[in-house]
Amino acid sequence: MFDESILKTGERAVFALRSLYRKYGYQPYKMSKFEEYDLYARNKDFLVSDSVITFTDTNGKLMALKPDVTLSIIKNYQDEPGCMQRVYYNENVYRISDSTHVYKEILQTGLECMGDLTAYDRMEVLRLAVESLKTISGDYVLEISHMGILSGLLSQAEAGQEFAERITTLIADKNAHEVPAVCEAYGVSADLAEKLVKFIGIYGQRDKVLSELEAICAGQEMAEALAELRDISAELDRWDGADRIRFDFSLVNDMRYYDGIVFQGYVEGIPDVILTGGQYDRLMKRMGRKSGAIGFALYLDLLESFLAEPERFDVDVILLCDEAAEPDALKDMVETYRKQGLSVSVQREVPKKLSCRQLVKFNNKGVEVLETND
């Protein structure tokens, strides 16, 4: 039987998540490290960072180290009416680190559900988001928003894209103080400015949030979004741990791509968002697809950064032997340690940069413990 204890924290998570997604019928998706740069250039504003590592291929095409997986999946997706495509992936993407401001390789696992989306499909993805967080930690929070509420509010302003972007930034920063001044500068009514200020403060327990949203909702787009949120909340109430799932409308994404629910997840011990997702029908249409789509990604490199226990030793046992050691006896000795759950490195001399819990000398006369480190 496979021993998961030998895996690192991130590797164990990948192993468990892969099993979870397969149980729901999601199929593995594998992509190349490289993609034609044009794919990312056309959709730079969808990417987390617009900085992409590029190089020229032998055929003269400009290529890129992949900064994103979703765009590649959509590019290879074919509309098939009445059918859902469910895929999951485990890929390394290449982005600029927020902390070091240099490129880093990021381990990302996620899934995409694509086709004629139904309420069931959206709830399935939300459930898998919750189960994914549980796989990492029992102490988690999932926050949900809906782009239809914000989009409906901004459409009432009729003040253009620049205004929408400025207000969206203020909402994401929970900066209600500057909203009235920005609204005044763009000729937006004081009544709508007040609604936007109230909107920024709407978050927390779901019933409370739904009640507060009713007071500011107007128009069909907002009414439909609110109705969808009510249905989602009613379903969530039947789930274990429903109190860990909240509504927060400071959670916003680019409305050129997202037009339904968006969500993000946190776990205890990691100060950053570890899971992000949402419904991105508009991105699908921008890339020439008729279907809808919803999915999420988990940033598993954060597990190694914050949750992994540091290894005190590179290996449990360094087993020193000479040329005269009988191969079969040496093999049996190694297996003896392995059956005890210990890692073993067979060496002729002690490597300078390899630490061990125990240094053991082995020859045809037997075993001698030379050094023990605890």
Protein backbone atom coordinates (compact mmCIF):
# COMPACT_ATOMS: atom_id res chain seq x y z
CA MET A 1 0.00 0.00 0.00
CA PHE A 2 1.22 3.52 -0.86
CA ASP A 3 2.52 5.42 2.18
CA GLU A 4 1.31 9.03 1.96
CA SER A 5 3.47 10.00 4.94
CA ILE A 6 6.53 10.23 2.67
CA LEU A 7 4.91 13.05 0.68
CA LYS A 8 5.38 16.74 1.35
CA THR A 9 2.40 18.83 2.51
CA GLY A 10 1.58 20.11 -0.98
CA GLU A 11 2.01 16.68 -2.54
CA ARG A 12 -0.38 15.10 -0.01
CA ALA A 13 -2.95 17.79 -0.82
CA VAL A 14 -2.63 17.11 -4.56
CA PHE A 15 -3.09 13.39 -3.94
CA ALA A 16 -6.25 13.94 -1.84
CA LEU A 17 -7.75 16.59 -4.14
CA ARG A 18 -7.24 14.46 -7.23
CA SER A 19 -9.17 11.65 -5.55
CA LEU A 20 -11.94 14.09 -4.53
CA TYR A 21 -12.40 15.53 -8.03
CA ARG A 22 -12.39 12.13 -9.71
CA LYS A 23 -15.29 11.05 -7.48
CA TYR A 24 -17.38 13.84 -9.02
CA GLY A 25 -16.52 12.81 -12.57
CA TYR A 26 -13.82 15.40 -13.26
CA GLN A 27 -11.20 14.26 -15.75
CA PRO A 28 -7.50 15.20 -15.66
CA TYR A 29 -6.34 17.99 -17.94
CA LYS A 30 -2.66 18.28 -18.86
CA MET A 31 -1.12 21.17 -20.73
CA SER A 32 2.33 22.02 -22.01
CA LYS A 33 4.56 24.40 -20.09
CA PHE A 34 4.48 26.61 -23.17
CA GLU A 35 1.63 28.36 -24.98
CA GLU A 36 1.60 30.82 -27.87
CA TYR A 37 2.04 34.28 -26.37
CA ASP A 38 -0.84 35.66 -28.43
CA LEU A 39 -3.34 33.79 -26.20
CA TYR A 40 -2.18 35.75 -23.15
CA ALA A 41 -1.63 39.03 -25.01
CA ARG A 42 -5.31 39.07 -26.06
CA ASN A 43 -6.44 38.45 -22.47
CA LYS A 44 -3.82 40.24 -20.36
CA ASP A 45 -6.41 41.95 -18.20
CA PHE A 46 -7.75 38.52 -17.15
CA LEU A 47 -4.37 37.46 -15.79
CA VAL A 48 -3.30 38.00 -12.19
CA SER A 49 -0.19 39.72 -13.57
CA ASP A 50 0.35 41.11 -17.06
CA SER A 51 4.04 40.17 -16.93
CA VAL A 52 4.62 37.00 -18.95
CA ILE A 53 7.90 35.18 -19.58
CA THR A 54 8.34 34.91 -23.35
CA PHE A 55 10.80 33.35 -25.80
CA THR A 56 10.99 32.74 -29.53
CA ASP A 57 10.50 29.13 -30.63
CA THR A 58 12.62 27.50 -33.33
CA ASN A 59 9.82 28.13 -35.85
CA GLY A 60 9.85 31.85 -35.10
CA LYS A 61 6.64 31.90 -32.99
CA LEU A 62 6.61 33.94 -29.80
CA MET A 63 5.89 31.53 -26.93
CA ALA A 64 5.22 32.03 -23.22
CA LEU A 65 5.73 30.07 -20.03
CA LYS A 66 2.16 29.58 -18.88
CA PRO A 67 0.97 32.15 -16.30
CA ASP A 68 -2.57 30.70 -16.30
CA VAL A 69 -4.38 27.40 -16.93
CA THR A 70 -7.98 28.51 -17.47
CA LEU A 71 -7.25 30.30 -20.76
CA SER A 72 -5.64 27.16 -22.17
CA ILE A 73 -8.60 25.01 -21.13
CA ILE A 74 -11.07 27.38 -22.80
CA LYS A 75 -8.95 27.50 -25.97
CA ASN A 76 -9.17 23.72 -26.26
CA TYR A 77 -12.85 23.49 -25.25
CA GLN A 78 -15.51 22.70 -27.87
CA ASP A 79 -19.17 23.60 -27.30
CA GLU A 80 -21.33 20.48 -27.04
CA PRO A 81 -24.99 21.32 -26.32
CA GLY A 82 -26.50 19.35 -23.44
CA CYS A 83 -23.11 18.08 -22.25
CA MET A 84 -20.88 19.26 -19.43
CA GLN A 85 -17.11 19.10 -19.54
CA ARG A 86 -15.58 18.70 -16.10
CA VAL A 87 -11.80 18.82 -15.83
CA TYR A 88 -9.27 19.20 -13.05
CA TYR A 89 -5.58 20.03 -13.27
CA ASN A 90 -2.37 20.11 -11.30
CA GLU A 91 0.03 22.52 -12.97
CA ASN A 92 2.90 24.86 -12.27
CA VAL A 93 2.31 28.42 -13.44
CA TYR A 94 4.86 31.21 -13.69
CA ARG A 95 4.10 34.60 -12.16
CA ILE A 96 5.75 37.48 -10.36
CA SER A 97 5.86 37.02 -6.60
CA ASP A 98 4.07 39.71 -4.57
CA SER A 99 6.75 39.50 -1.88
CA THR A 100 9.99 39.23 -3.89
CA HIS A 101 8.81 40.84 -7.16
CA VAL A 102 10.67 38.19 -9.15
CA TYR A 103 9.24 35.34 -11.18
CA LYS A 104 8.37 32.20 -9.29
CA GLU A 105 6.96 28.79 -10.08
CA ILE A 106 3.58 28.34 -8.38
CA LEU A 107 1.92 24.97 -7.80
CA GLN A 108 -1.74 25.34 -8.70
CA THR A 109 -4.54 22.77 -8.55
CA GLY A 110 -8.05 23.50 -9.69
CA LEU A 111 -11.06 22.53 -11.74
CA GLU A 112 -13.35 23.90 -14.44
CA CYS A 113 -17.00 23.01 -15.15
CA MET A 114 -18.01 24.10 -18.67
CA GLY A 115 -21.24 23.82 -20.65
CA ASP A 116 -24.88 24.85 -20.23
CA LEU A 117 -24.57 25.64 -16.52
CA THR A 118 -27.44 24.82 -14.18
CA ALA A 119 -28.01 25.62 -10.50
CA TYR A 120 -26.76 22.11 -9.74
CA ASP A 121 -23.46 22.73 -11.53
CA ARG A 122 -22.82 25.95 -9.61
CA MET A 123 -23.58 24.28 -6.27
CA GLU A 124 -21.39 21.30 -7.16
CA VAL A 125 -18.42 23.60 -7.76
CA LEU A 126 -19.10 25.46 -4.50
CA ARG A 127 -19.30 22.14 -2.65
CA LEU A 128 -15.99 21.05 -4.16
CA ALA A 129 -14.45 24.38 -3.17
CA VAL A 130 -15.56 23.77 0.43
CA GLU A 131 -14.37 20.15 0.38
CA SER A 132 -11.03 21.30 -1.05
CA LEU A 133 -10.56 23.74 1.83
CA LYS A 134 -11.53 20.99 4.30
CA THR A 135 -8.87 18.75 2.77
CA ILE A 136 -6.28 21.33 3.77
CA SER A 137 -7.73 22.38 7.15
CA GLY A 138 -10.91 21.99 9.16
CA ASP A 139 -10.59 25.66 10.09
CA TYR A 140 -11.60 27.43 6.87
CA VAL A 141 -13.82 30.21 5.54
CA LEU A 142 -15.40 30.54 2.08
CA GLU A 143 -16.60 33.99 1.03
CA ILE A 144 -19.10 34.43 -1.82
CA SER A 145 -20.13 37.45 -3.85
CA HIS A 146 -22.13 38.02 -7.05
CA MET A 147 -20.97 40.29 -9.84
CA GLY A 148 -24.56 40.90 -10.91
CA ILE A 149 -25.21 43.04 -7.82
CA LEU A 150 -22.26 45.37 -8.45
CA SER A 151 -22.84 45.39 -12.21
CA GLY A 152 -26.46 46.40 -11.65
CA LEU A 153 -25.46 49.25 -9.34
CA LEU A 154 -22.81 50.57 -11.73
CA SER A 155 -25.14 50.41 -14.72
CA GLN A 156 -27.48 52.81 -12.90
CA ALA A 157 -24.63 55.34 -12.75
CA GLU A 158 -24.19 55.44 -16.55
CA ALA A 159 -20.77 57.01 -15.92
CA GLY A 160 -18.51 54.86 -18.10
CA GLN A 161 -15.73 52.32 -17.67
CA GLU A 162 -13.28 54.60 -15.86
CA PHE A 163 -15.81 55.35 -13.14
CA ALA A 164 -16.64 51.65 -12.81
CA GLU A 165 -12.97 50.76 -12.40
CA ARG A 166 -12.36 53.45 -9.77
CA ILE A 167 -15.42 52.43 -7.74
CA THR A 168 -14.56 48.73 -8.04
CA THR A 169 -11.10 49.45 -6.60
CA LEU A 170 -12.63 51.36 -3.69
CA ILE A 171 -15.04 48.49 -3.00
CA ALA A 172 -12.22 45.94 -3.05
CA ASP A 173 -10.31 48.11 -0.56
CA LYS A 174 -13.45 48.63 1.58
CA ASN A 175 -12.83 52.36 1.16
CA ALA A 176 -16.30 53.89 1.60
CA HIS A 177 -14.90 57.29 2.54
CA GLU A 178 -13.84 58.25 -1.01
CA VAL A 179 -16.95 56.97 -2.81
CA PRO A 180 -19.05 60.19 -2.54
CA ALA A 181 -16.24 62.34 -3.95
CA VAL A 182 -15.66 60.00 -6.89
CA CYS A 183 -19.40 59.89 -7.60
CA GLU A 184 -19.62 63.67 -7.52
CA ALA A 185 -16.66 63.99 -9.90
CA TYR A 186 -18.43 61.79 -12.46
CA GLY A 187 -21.85 63.37 -12.02
CA VAL A 188 -23.37 60.36 -10.24
CA SER A 189 -26.36 61.09 -8.01
CA ALA A 190 -26.02 61.37 -4.24
CA ASP A 191 -28.68 58.66 -3.88
CA LEU A 192 -26.61 56.14 -5.86
CA ALA A 193 -23.45 57.22 -4.03
CA GLU A 194 -25.21 56.38 -0.75
CA LYS A 195 -26.16 52.95 -2.10
CA LEU A 196 -22.55 52.29 -3.08
CA VAL A 197 -21.35 53.30 0.39
CA LYS A 198 -23.87 50.92 1.96
CA PHE A 199 -22.84 48.20 -0.50
CA ILE A 200 -19.23 48.34 0.69
CA GLY A 201 -20.36 47.58 4.24
CA ILE A 202 -22.43 44.54 3.31
CA TYR A 203 -20.70 41.34 4.43
CA GLY A 204 -20.97 38.59 7.02
CA GLN A 205 -23.79 36.27 8.03
CA ARG A 206 -25.81 35.35 4.94
CA ASP A 207 -29.35 36.14 6.12
CA LYS A 208 -28.24 39.56 7.32
CA VAL A 209 -26.51 40.28 4.01
CA LEU A 210 -29.55 39.25 1.95
CA SER A 211 -31.76 41.55 3.99
CA GLU A 212 -29.38 44.49 3.50
CA LEU A 213 -29.11 43.84 -0.23
CA GLU A 214 -32.89 44.03 -0.63
CA ALA A 215 -32.75 47.68 0.48
CA ILE A 216 -30.43 48.73 -2.35
CA CYS A 217 -31.44 46.40 -5.18
CA ALA A 218 -33.21 47.85 -8.20
CA GLY A 219 -33.58 46.60 -11.75
CA GLN A 220 -33.73 43.15 -13.31
CA GLU A 221 -30.02 42.33 -13.19
CA MET A 222 -29.77 42.94 -9.44
CA ALA A 223 -33.08 41.18 -8.78
CA GLU A 224 -31.92 38.05 -10.62
CA ALA A 225 -28.57 38.07 -8.80
CA LEU A 226 -30.30 38.46 -5.44
CA ALA A 227 -32.68 35.60 -6.24
CA GLU A 228 -29.73 33.38 -7.13
CA LEU A 229 -27.98 34.28 -3.88
CA ARG A 230 -31.13 33.41 -1.91
CA ASP A 231 -31.27 29.99 -3.59
CA ILE A 232 -27.58 29.41 -2.92
CA SER A 233 -27.94 30.41 0.73
CA ALA A 234 -30.94 28.12 1.21
CA GLU A 235 -28.92 25.20 -0.16
CA LEU A 236 -25.88 26.09 1.94
CA ASP A 237 -28.03 26.02 5.08
CA ARG A 238 -28.36 22.26 4.55
CA TRP A 239 -24.59 21.73 4.51
CA ASP A 240 -22.38 20.85 7.45
CA GLY A 241 -20.28 23.86 8.41
CA ALA A 242 -22.65 26.31 6.70
CA ASP A 243 -21.65 28.99 9.22
CA ARG A 244 -18.18 29.02 7.63
CA ILE A 245 -19.63 30.21 4.31
CA ARG A 246 -20.33 33.94 4.19
CA PHE A 247 -21.26 36.69 1.76
CA ASP A 248 -18.77 39.52 1.24
CA PHE A 249 -19.34 42.09 -1.52
CA SER A 250 -15.89 43.62 -1.29
CA LEU A 251 -14.95 40.50 -3.23
CA VAL A 252 -14.95 41.74 -6.84
CA ASN A 253 -13.46 40.57 -10.12
CA ASP A 254 -13.18 42.02 -13.60
CA MET A 255 -16.74 42.44 -14.92
CA ARG A 256 -15.48 42.06 -18.48
CA TYR A 257 -15.00 38.38 -17.66
CA TYR A 258 -17.05 37.45 -14.58
CA ASP A 259 -20.82 37.77 -14.52
CA GLY A 260 -22.06 35.46 -11.78
CA ILE A 261 -20.93 34.24 -8.40
CA VAL A 262 -17.32 34.74 -7.37
CA PHE A 263 -15.71 33.31 -4.26
CA GLN A 264 -12.48 32.92 -2.33
CA GLY A 265 -11.30 30.69 0.48
CA TYR A 266 -9.01 30.94 3.48
CA VAL A 267 -7.59 28.42 5.95
CA GLU A 268 -6.14 28.93 9.42
CA GLY A 269 -2.38 29.47 9.41
CA ILE A 270 -2.16 31.01 5.92
CA PRO A 271 -2.54 34.81 5.77
CA ASP A 272 -3.27 34.89 2.03
CA VAL A 273 -6.22 33.79 -0.09
CA ILE A 274 -5.61 30.12 -0.93
CA LEU A 275 -8.61 29.51 -3.20
CA THR A 276 -10.17 31.78 -5.82
CA GLY A 277 -12.96 31.07 -8.27
CA GLY A 278 -16.07 32.22 -10.02
CA GLN A 279 -18.37 32.06 -13.01
CA TYR A 280 -16.81 33.49 -16.17
CA ASP A 281 -19.37 33.20 -18.98
CA ARG A 282 -18.19 36.51 -20.45
CA LEU A 283 -14.65 35.22 -20.87
CA MET A 284 -16.05 32.17 -22.65
CA LYS A 285 -17.98 34.39 -25.07
CA ARG A 286 -14.96 36.65 -25.60
CA MET A 287 -13.04 33.56 -26.70
CA GLY A 288 -15.80 32.52 -29.09
CA ARG A 289 -17.58 29.91 -26.95
CA LYS A 290 -21.34 29.76 -26.43
CA SER A 291 -21.23 27.81 -23.17
CA GLY A 292 -20.91 29.06 -19.62
CA ALA A 293 -18.19 28.10 -17.16
CA ILE A 294 -17.33 28.14 -13.48
CA GLY A 295 -14.23 26.96 -11.66
CA PHE A 296 -11.59 27.65 -9.05
CA ALA A 297 -7.88 27.35 -8.35
CA LEU A 298 -5.96 26.47 -5.20
CA TYR A 299 -2.48 27.90 -4.63
CA LEU A 300 -0.75 24.94 -3.05
CA ASP A 301 2.69 26.58 -2.89
CA LEU A 302 1.28 28.43 0.14
CA LEU A 303 1.04 25.11 2.00
CA GLU A 304 4.77 24.59 1.82
CA SER A 305 5.39 28.22 2.80
CA PHE A 306 3.13 28.36 5.85
CA LEU A 307 1.85 24.92 6.93
CA ALA A 308 4.67 22.49 6.22
CA GLU A 309 6.70 21.48 9.24
CA PRO A 310 10.39 22.14 8.57
CA GLU A 311 12.45 18.98 8.09
CA ARG A 312 15.18 18.73 10.70
CA PHE A 313 17.12 16.21 8.65
CA ASP A 314 17.47 15.47 4.96
CA VAL A 315 17.36 11.74 5.62
CA ASP A 316 16.80 9.53 8.64
CA VAL A 317 19.77 7.20 8.11
CA ILE A 318 23.02 7.50 6.21
CA LEU A 319 24.25 3.93 5.75
CA LEU A 320 28.01 3.86 5.15
CA CYS A 321 29.36 0.78 3.43
CA ASP A 322 32.49 -0.30 1.61
CA GLU A 323 33.04 -2.21 -1.60
CA ALA A 324 33.25 -5.50 0.27
CA ALA A 325 29.64 -5.25 1.52
CA GLU A 326 27.48 -8.09 0.18
CA PRO A 327 24.78 -6.59 -2.10
CA ASP A 328 22.01 -8.88 -0.76
CA ALA A 329 22.89 -8.16 2.85
CA LEU A 330 23.00 -4.43 2.10
CA LYS A 331 19.60 -4.62 0.40
CA ASP A 332 18.12 -6.45 3.40
CA MET A 333 19.52 -3.83 5.76
CA VAL A 334 17.99 -1.01 3.76
CA GLU A 335 14.62 -2.78 3.70
CA THR A 336 14.80 -3.23 7.48
CA TYR A 337 15.00 0.54 7.92
CA ARG A 338 12.38 1.17 5.24
CA LYS A 339 9.88 -1.10 7.01
CA GLN A 340 10.35 1.06 10.10
CA GLY A 341 9.25 4.06 8.05
CA LEU A 342 12.75 5.52 7.86
CA SER A 343 14.46 7.04 4.84
CA VAL A 344 17.90 5.65 3.99
CA SER A 345 20.76 6.92 1.87
CA VAL A 346 23.49 4.41 1.07
CA GLN A 347 26.91 6.13 0.82
CA ARG A 348 30.62 5.35 0.73
CA GLU A 349 31.48 8.64 2.46
CA VAL A 350 29.37 11.17 4.37
CA PRO A 351 28.20 13.91 1.96
CA LYS A 352 28.98 17.42 3.18
CA LYS A 353 25.50 18.81 2.57
CA LEU A 354 23.34 15.85 3.64
CA SER A 355 22.14 15.87 7.26
CA CYS A 356 20.91 12.71 8.97
CA ARG A 357 19.26 11.58 12.16
CA GLN A 358 21.59 8.61 12.44
CA LEU A 359 24.93 7.74 10.87
CA VAL A 360 25.45 4.00 10.58
CA LYS A 361 28.41 1.95 9.36
CA PHE A 362 27.59 -1.33 7.63
CA ASN A 363 29.93 -4.13 6.61
CA ASN A 364 29.89 -7.90 6.48
CA LYS A 365 30.56 -8.03 10.23
CA GLY A 366 27.37 -6.16 11.09
CA VAL A 367 26.07 -2.67 11.88
CA GLU A 368 27.72 0.02 13.99
CA VAL A 369 25.93 3.27 14.94
CA LEU A 370 28.52 6.03 14.60
CA GLU A 371 26.39 9.05 15.41
CA THR A 372 22.83 9.89 16.51
CA ASN A 373 21.29 13.36 16.21
CA ASP A 374 17.99 14.23 17.93
